[in-house]
Amino acid sequence: MSGLIRVAEERDARAIAEIYAPAITDGVISFELAPPHAEEMSQRIVAIQQQYPWLVYEESKTVLGYVYASVHNERAAYRWSVDVTAYIRHDAHRRGIGRALYTALFEILVLQGYRTACAGVTLPNTASVQMHTAMGFKEVGVYHDVGYKFGKWHDVGWYERPLAEHVLEPREPLAFPALATSHAVTAAFVRAAGLIK
């Protein structure tokens, strides 16, 4: 089936919330304790997109996965680094959707001027570790017993991936809205969607 990668919209909030909910209720992939409802998710999408991309993969008018970037740390010297997150619907795993969404996301982040992507993975999570490794991430360390959920302490592995050369005097990162409708972003979506099985 053919699908497309596009910028997330507020109308996607319900589908995104449904994809995300099992990561909260069925395990410790997310350290949130209560799934956000569609209205809360809509607010998150709007807030993130003031600076960073939030992308979805849609097939037959159904959202099957999403990725987004967010602030890595509020301190000014960190502003060329981002945290990245990916979630795929439970029945759409192992089709390359996560890889395609990350590929598009990373291209856009480079266009914006970001230099490093970081990701945290609650351990153990073999599938997520394998996907991040396949996307060029390297493990940089583990926070031990850093999260308490479902009556147990959990470790989080931290991963990093260079996005672009770490030049001296880098330009300030562009806000995503300045690029969202550009030809370069559209082309990134088309190229990445071709990776999906």
C-alpha atoms as a PDB file:
ATOM      1  CA  MET A   1       0.000   0.000   0.000  1.00  0.00           C
ATOM      2  CA  SER A   2       1.223   3.476  -0.737  1.00  0.00           C
ATOM      3  CA  GLY A   3       1.292   6.052   2.007  1.00  0.00           C
ATOM      4  CA  LEU A   4       2.738   9.442   2.686  1.00  0.00           C
ATOM      5  CA  ILE A   5       4.801  11.285   5.228  1.00  0.00           C
ATOM      6  CA  ARG A   6       3.533  14.741   6.088  1.00  0.00           C
ATOM      7  CA  VAL A   7       3.505  17.383   8.786  1.00  0.00           C
ATOM      8  CA  ALA A   8       1.232  16.473  11.696  1.00  0.00           C
ATOM      9  CA  GLU A   9      -1.942  18.495  12.045  1.00  0.00           C
ATOM     10  CA  GLU A  10      -4.256  19.070  14.990  1.00  0.00           C
ATOM     11  CA  ARG A  11      -6.777  16.696  13.394  1.00  0.00           C
ATOM     12  CA  ASP A  12      -4.234  13.894  13.884  1.00  0.00           C
ATOM     13  CA  ALA A  13      -4.278  14.302  17.655  1.00  0.00           C
ATOM     14  CA  ARG A  14      -6.744  11.478  18.354  1.00  0.00           C
ATOM     15  CA  ALA A  15      -4.853   8.946  16.224  1.00  0.00           C
ATOM     16  CA  ILE A  16      -1.519  10.032  17.718  1.00  0.00           C
ATOM     17  CA  ALA A  17      -2.921   9.723  21.240  1.00  0.00           C
ATOM     18  CA  GLU A  18      -4.172   6.204  20.439  1.00  0.00           C
ATOM     19  CA  ILE A  19      -0.745   5.157  19.115  1.00  0.00           C
ATOM     20  CA  TYR A  20       0.975   6.583  22.181  1.00  0.00           C
ATOM     21  CA  ALA A  21      -1.392   5.256  24.880  1.00  0.00           C
ATOM     22  CA  PRO A  22      -0.106   1.632  24.993  1.00  0.00           C
ATOM     23  CA  ALA A  23       3.446   2.915  25.663  1.00  0.00           C
ATOM     24  CA  ILE A  24       2.023   4.330  28.891  1.00  0.00           C
ATOM     25  CA  THR A  25      -0.592   1.784  29.950  1.00  0.00           C
ATOM     26  CA  ASP A  26       0.975  -1.485  28.781  1.00  0.00           C
ATOM     27  CA  GLY A  27       4.610  -0.972  29.740  1.00  0.00           C
ATOM     28  CA  VAL A  28       7.374   1.438  30.613  1.00  0.00           C
ATOM     29  CA  ILE A  29       8.364   2.719  27.176  1.00  0.00           C
ATOM     30  CA  SER A  30       7.007   6.065  28.362  1.00  0.00           C
ATOM     31  CA  PHE A  31       7.369   7.287  31.938  1.00  0.00           C
ATOM     32  CA  GLU A  32       4.065   9.139  31.779  1.00  0.00           C
ATOM     33  CA  LEU A  33       1.434   7.554  34.022  1.00  0.00           C
ATOM     34  CA  ALA A  34      -1.806   8.591  32.311  1.00  0.00           C
ATOM     35  CA  PRO A  35      -2.351   8.724  28.538  1.00  0.00           C
ATOM     36  CA  PRO A  36      -2.993  12.224  27.224  1.00  0.00           C
ATOM     37  CA  HIS A  37      -6.387  12.725  25.615  1.00  0.00           C
ATOM     38  CA  ALA A  38      -6.761  14.091  22.097  1.00  0.00           C
ATOM     39  CA  GLU A  39      -7.096  17.722  23.242  1.00  0.00           C
ATOM     40  CA  GLU A  40      -3.863  17.530  25.251  1.00  0.00           C
ATOM     41  CA  MET A  41      -2.079  15.856  22.335  1.00  0.00           C
ATOM     42  CA  SER A  42      -3.310  18.598  20.000  1.00  0.00           C
ATOM     43  CA  GLN A  43      -1.790  21.205  22.319  1.00  0.00           C
ATOM     44  CA  ARG A  44       1.501  19.310  22.351  1.00  0.00           C
ATOM     45  CA  ILE A  45       1.610  19.192  18.538  1.00  0.00           C
ATOM     46  CA  VAL A  46       1.009  22.936  18.269  1.00  0.00           C
ATOM     47  CA  ALA A  47       3.603  23.738  20.931  1.00  0.00           C
ATOM     48  CA  ILE A  48       6.315  21.501  19.430  1.00  0.00           C
ATOM     49  CA  GLN A  49       5.766  22.817  15.908  1.00  0.00           C
ATOM     50  CA  GLN A  50       6.555  26.373  16.903  1.00  0.00           C
ATOM     51  CA  GLN A  51      10.205  25.302  16.610  1.00  0.00           C
ATOM     52  CA  TYR A  52      10.516  21.608  15.695  1.00  0.00           C
ATOM     53  CA  PRO A  53       9.050  19.151  13.172  1.00  0.00           C
ATOM     54  CA  TRP A  54       6.297  16.719  14.143  1.00  0.00           C
ATOM     55  CA  LEU A  55       5.677  14.265  11.298  1.00  0.00           C
ATOM     56  CA  VAL A  56       3.198  11.461  10.674  1.00  0.00           C
ATOM     57  CA  TYR A  57       3.036   8.528   8.296  1.00  0.00           C
ATOM     58  CA  GLU A  58      -0.458   8.115   6.841  1.00  0.00           C
ATOM     59  CA  GLU A  59      -1.804   5.208   4.821  1.00  0.00           C
ATOM     60  CA  SER A  60      -5.375   5.005   3.535  1.00  0.00           C
ATOM     61  CA  LYS A  61      -6.189   8.096   5.629  1.00  0.00           C
ATOM     62  CA  THR A  62      -4.978   6.310   8.785  1.00  0.00           C
ATOM     63  CA  VAL A  63      -2.007   7.534  10.820  1.00  0.00           C
ATOM     64  CA  LEU A  64       0.298   4.574  11.521  1.00  0.00           C
ATOM     65  CA  GLY A  65       3.232   6.340  13.180  1.00  0.00           C
ATOM     66  CA  TYR A  66       4.773   9.631  14.151  1.00  0.00           C
ATOM     67  CA  VAL A  67       8.072  11.266  15.071  1.00  0.00           C
ATOM     68  CA  TYR A  68       9.029  14.619  16.449  1.00  0.00           C
ATOM     69  CA  ALA A  69      11.981  16.586  17.753  1.00  0.00           C
ATOM     70  CA  SER A  70      11.996  18.632  20.943  1.00  0.00           C
ATOM     71  CA  VAL A  71      14.293  20.734  23.072  1.00  0.00           C
ATOM     72  CA  HIS A  72      17.239  18.796  24.470  1.00  0.00           C
ATOM     73  CA  ASN A  73      17.964  21.220  27.290  1.00  0.00           C
ATOM     74  CA  GLU A  74      16.831  24.778  27.996  1.00  0.00           C
ATOM     75  CA  ARG A  75      20.376  26.121  28.468  1.00  0.00           C
ATOM     76  CA  ALA A  76      21.382  28.271  25.494  1.00  0.00           C
ATOM     77  CA  ALA A  77      24.550  26.386  24.537  1.00  0.00           C
ATOM     78  CA  TYR A  78      22.457  23.242  23.882  1.00  0.00           C
ATOM     79  CA  ARG A  79      20.314  24.909  21.222  1.00  0.00           C
ATOM     80  CA  TRP A  80      21.906  23.020  18.308  1.00  0.00           C
ATOM     81  CA  SER A  81      20.918  19.676  19.845  1.00  0.00           C
ATOM     82  CA  VAL A  82      17.480  18.038  19.927  1.00  0.00           C
ATOM     83  CA  ASP A  83      15.767  15.056  21.490  1.00  0.00           C
ATOM     84  CA  VAL A  84      13.890  12.836  19.045  1.00  0.00           C
ATOM     85  CA  THR A  85      10.987  10.451  19.585  1.00  0.00           C
ATOM     86  CA  ALA A  86       9.274   7.837  17.408  1.00  0.00           C
ATOM     87  CA  TYR A  87       6.119   5.786  17.943  1.00  0.00           C
ATOM     88  CA  ILE A  88       4.568   3.297  15.518  1.00  0.00           C
ATOM     89  CA  ARG A  89       1.107   1.718  15.812  1.00  0.00           C
ATOM     90  CA  HIS A  90       1.283  -1.816  17.235  1.00  0.00           C
ATOM     91  CA  ASP A  91       0.052  -3.470  14.030  1.00  0.00           C
ATOM     92  CA  ALA A  92       2.425  -1.562  11.739  1.00  0.00           C
ATOM     93  CA  HIS A  93       5.791  -2.568  13.182  1.00  0.00           C
ATOM     94  CA  ARG A  94       8.665  -3.980  11.103  1.00  0.00           C
ATOM     95  CA  ARG A  95       7.655  -2.239   7.874  1.00  0.00           C
ATOM     96  CA  GLY A  96      10.294   0.456   7.976  1.00  0.00           C
ATOM     97  CA  ILE A  97       7.889   3.199   9.051  1.00  0.00           C
ATOM     98  CA  GLY A  98      10.069   4.315  11.951  1.00  0.00           C
ATOM     99  CA  ARG A  99      13.166   4.343   9.752  1.00  0.00           C
ATOM    100  CA  ALA A 100      11.386   6.373   7.065  1.00  0.00           C
ATOM    101  CA  LEU A 101       9.973   8.891   9.534  1.00  0.00           C
ATOM    102  CA  TYR A 102      13.342   9.344  11.217  1.00  0.00           C
ATOM    103  CA  THR A 103      15.030   9.740   7.813  1.00  0.00           C
ATOM    104  CA  ALA A 104      12.662  12.577   6.902  1.00  0.00           C
ATOM    105  CA  LEU A 105      12.953  14.132  10.361  1.00  0.00           C
ATOM    106  CA  PHE A 106      16.756  14.140  10.267  1.00  0.00           C
ATOM    107  CA  GLU A 107      16.833  15.754   6.812  1.00  0.00           C
ATOM    108  CA  ILE A 108      14.606  18.554   8.073  1.00  0.00           C
ATOM    109  CA  LEU A 109      16.629  19.012  11.256  1.00  0.00           C
ATOM    110  CA  VAL A 110      19.761  19.439   9.122  1.00  0.00           C
ATOM    111  CA  LEU A 111      17.970  22.056   7.018  1.00  0.00           C
ATOM    112  CA  GLN A 112      17.058  23.860  10.221  1.00  0.00           C
ATOM    113  CA  GLY A 113      20.677  23.897  11.363  1.00  0.00           C
ATOM    114  CA  TYR A 114      20.667  21.308  14.156  1.00  0.00           C
ATOM    115  CA  ARG A 115      23.852  19.307  14.766  1.00  0.00           C
ATOM    116  CA  THR A 116      23.052  16.456  17.183  1.00  0.00           C
ATOM    117  CA  ALA A 117      20.044  14.225  17.839  1.00  0.00           C
ATOM    118  CA  CYS A 118      19.624  12.480  21.211  1.00  0.00           C
ATOM    119  CA  ALA A 119      17.229   9.727  22.248  1.00  0.00           C
ATOM    120  CA  GLY A 120      16.379   7.988  25.499  1.00  0.00           C
ATOM    121  CA  VAL A 121      15.218   4.358  25.581  1.00  0.00           C
ATOM    122  CA  THR A 122      13.770   2.635  28.648  1.00  0.00           C
ATOM    123  CA  LEU A 123      15.655  -0.647  29.068  1.00  0.00           C
ATOM    124  CA  PRO A 124      15.270  -3.373  28.093  1.00  0.00           C
ATOM    125  CA  ASN A 125      13.761  -2.530  24.694  1.00  0.00           C
ATOM    126  CA  THR A 126      15.544  -4.538  22.009  1.00  0.00           C
ATOM    127  CA  ALA A 127      13.410  -3.274  19.116  1.00  0.00           C
ATOM    128  CA  SER A 128      13.999   0.403  19.923  1.00  0.00           C
ATOM    129  CA  VAL A 129      17.716  -0.098  20.556  1.00  0.00           C
ATOM    130  CA  GLN A 130      18.065  -1.928  17.223  1.00  0.00           C
ATOM    131  CA  MET A 131      16.165   0.764  15.330  1.00  0.00           C
ATOM    132  CA  HIS A 132      18.193   3.591  16.834  1.00  0.00           C
ATOM    133  CA  THR A 133      21.443   1.742  16.192  1.00  0.00           C
ATOM    134  CA  ALA A 134      20.412   1.111  12.583  1.00  0.00           C
ATOM    135  CA  MET A 135      19.725   4.863  12.249  1.00  0.00           C
ATOM    136  CA  GLY A 136      23.279   5.728  13.281  1.00  0.00           C
ATOM    137  CA  PHE A 137      22.845   6.318  17.004  1.00  0.00           C
ATOM    138  CA  LYS A 138      25.580   5.311  19.442  1.00  0.00           C
ATOM    139  CA  GLU A 139      24.971   4.534  23.093  1.00  0.00           C
ATOM    140  CA  VAL A 140      26.579   7.105  25.352  1.00  0.00           C
ATOM    141  CA  GLY A 141      25.483   5.798  28.728  1.00  0.00           C
ATOM    142  CA  VAL A 142      22.774   4.472  31.004  1.00  0.00           C
ATOM    143  CA  TYR A 143      20.887   6.212  33.782  1.00  0.00           C
ATOM    144  CA  HIS A 144      20.351   3.409  36.307  1.00  0.00           C
ATOM    145  CA  ASP A 145      17.091   3.132  38.266  1.00  0.00           C
ATOM    146  CA  VAL A 146      16.097   6.602  37.125  1.00  0.00           C
ATOM    147  CA  GLY A 147      12.364   5.995  36.629  1.00  0.00           C
ATOM    148  CA  TYR A 148       9.865   4.351  38.987  1.00  0.00           C
ATOM    149  CA  LYS A 149       6.739   2.914  37.406  1.00  0.00           C
ATOM    150  CA  PHE A 150       4.515  -0.120  38.006  1.00  0.00           C
ATOM    151  CA  GLY A 151       6.243  -0.853  41.310  1.00  0.00           C
ATOM    152  CA  LYS A 152       9.725  -1.148  39.855  1.00  0.00           C
ATOM    153  CA  TRP A 153      12.792   1.004  39.087  1.00  0.00           C
ATOM    154  CA  HIS A 154      13.858   1.273  35.438  1.00  0.00           C
ATOM    155  CA  ASP A 155      17.056   2.143  33.569  1.00  0.00           C
ATOM    156  CA  VAL A 156      17.174   4.485  30.578  1.00  0.00           C
ATOM    157  CA  GLY A 157      19.809   4.165  27.853  1.00  0.00           C
ATOM    158  CA  TRP A 158      20.902   7.375  26.164  1.00  0.00           C
ATOM    159  CA  TYR A 159      21.898   7.556  22.517  1.00  0.00           C
ATOM    160  CA  GLU A 160      23.286  10.266  20.244  1.00  0.00           C
ATOM    161  CA  ARG A 161      23.634  10.736  16.503  1.00  0.00           C
ATOM    162  CA  PRO A 162      25.413  13.518  14.630  1.00  0.00           C
ATOM    163  CA  LEU A 163      23.169  15.321  12.166  1.00  0.00           C
ATOM    164  CA  ALA A 164      25.698  17.670  10.583  1.00  0.00           C
ATOM    165  CA  GLU A 165      29.277  18.799  11.009  1.00  0.00           C
ATOM    166  CA  HIS A 166      29.994  20.586  14.256  1.00  0.00           C
ATOM    167  CA  VAL A 167      31.446  23.750  12.742  1.00  0.00           C
ATOM    168  CA  LEU A 168      32.640  26.765  14.675  1.00  0.00           C
ATOM    169  CA  GLU A 169      30.213  29.700  14.724  1.00  0.00           C
ATOM    170  CA  PRO A 170      27.156  27.695  13.599  1.00  0.00           C
ATOM    171  CA  ARG A 171      24.177  29.673  12.388  1.00  0.00           C
ATOM    172  CA  GLU A 172      21.148  29.854  14.629  1.00  0.00           C
ATOM    173  CA  PRO A 173      18.640  27.034  14.061  1.00  0.00           C
ATOM    174  CA  LEU A 174      15.640  28.016  11.977  1.00  0.00           C
ATOM    175  CA  ALA A 175      12.152  27.548  13.384  1.00  0.00           C
ATOM    176  CA  PHE A 176      10.282  24.745  11.607  1.00  0.00           C
ATOM    177  CA  PRO A 177       7.442  26.965  10.289  1.00  0.00           C
ATOM    178  CA  ALA A 178      10.017  28.808   8.133  1.00  0.00           C
ATOM    179  CA  LEU A 179      10.645  25.553   6.216  1.00  0.00           C
ATOM    180  CA  ALA A 180       7.445  23.533   6.643  1.00  0.00           C
ATOM    181  CA  THR A 181       6.039  24.144   3.160  1.00  0.00           C
ATOM    182  CA  SER A 182       9.343  24.312   1.294  1.00  0.00           C
ATOM    183  CA  HIS A 183      10.271  22.144  -1.668  1.00  0.00           C
ATOM    184  CA  ALA A 184      13.188  20.675   0.320  1.00  0.00           C
ATOM    185  CA  VAL A 185      10.847  19.406   3.048  1.00  0.00           C
ATOM    186  CA  THR A 186       8.359  17.998   0.537  1.00  0.00           C
ATOM    187  CA  ALA A 187      11.187  16.226  -1.291  1.00  0.00           C
ATOM    188  CA  ALA A 188      12.426  14.747   2.010  1.00  0.00           C
ATOM    189  CA  PHE A 189       8.937  13.332   2.640  1.00  0.00           C
ATOM    190  CA  VAL A 190       8.774  11.696  -0.784  1.00  0.00           C
ATOM    191  CA  ARG A 191      12.253  10.169  -0.548  1.00  0.00           C
ATOM    192  CA  ALA A 192      11.678   8.792   2.942  1.00  0.00           C
ATOM    193  CA  ALA A 193       8.235   7.347   2.141  1.00  0.00           C
ATOM    194  CA  GLY A 194       9.928   5.210  -0.507  1.00  0.00           C
ATOM    195  CA  LEU A 195      11.680   3.268   2.293  1.00  0.00           C
ATOM    196  CA  ILE A 196       8.423   1.817   3.634  1.00  0.00           C
ATOM    197  CA  LYS A 197       7.471  -1.758   2.775  1.00  0.00           C
END
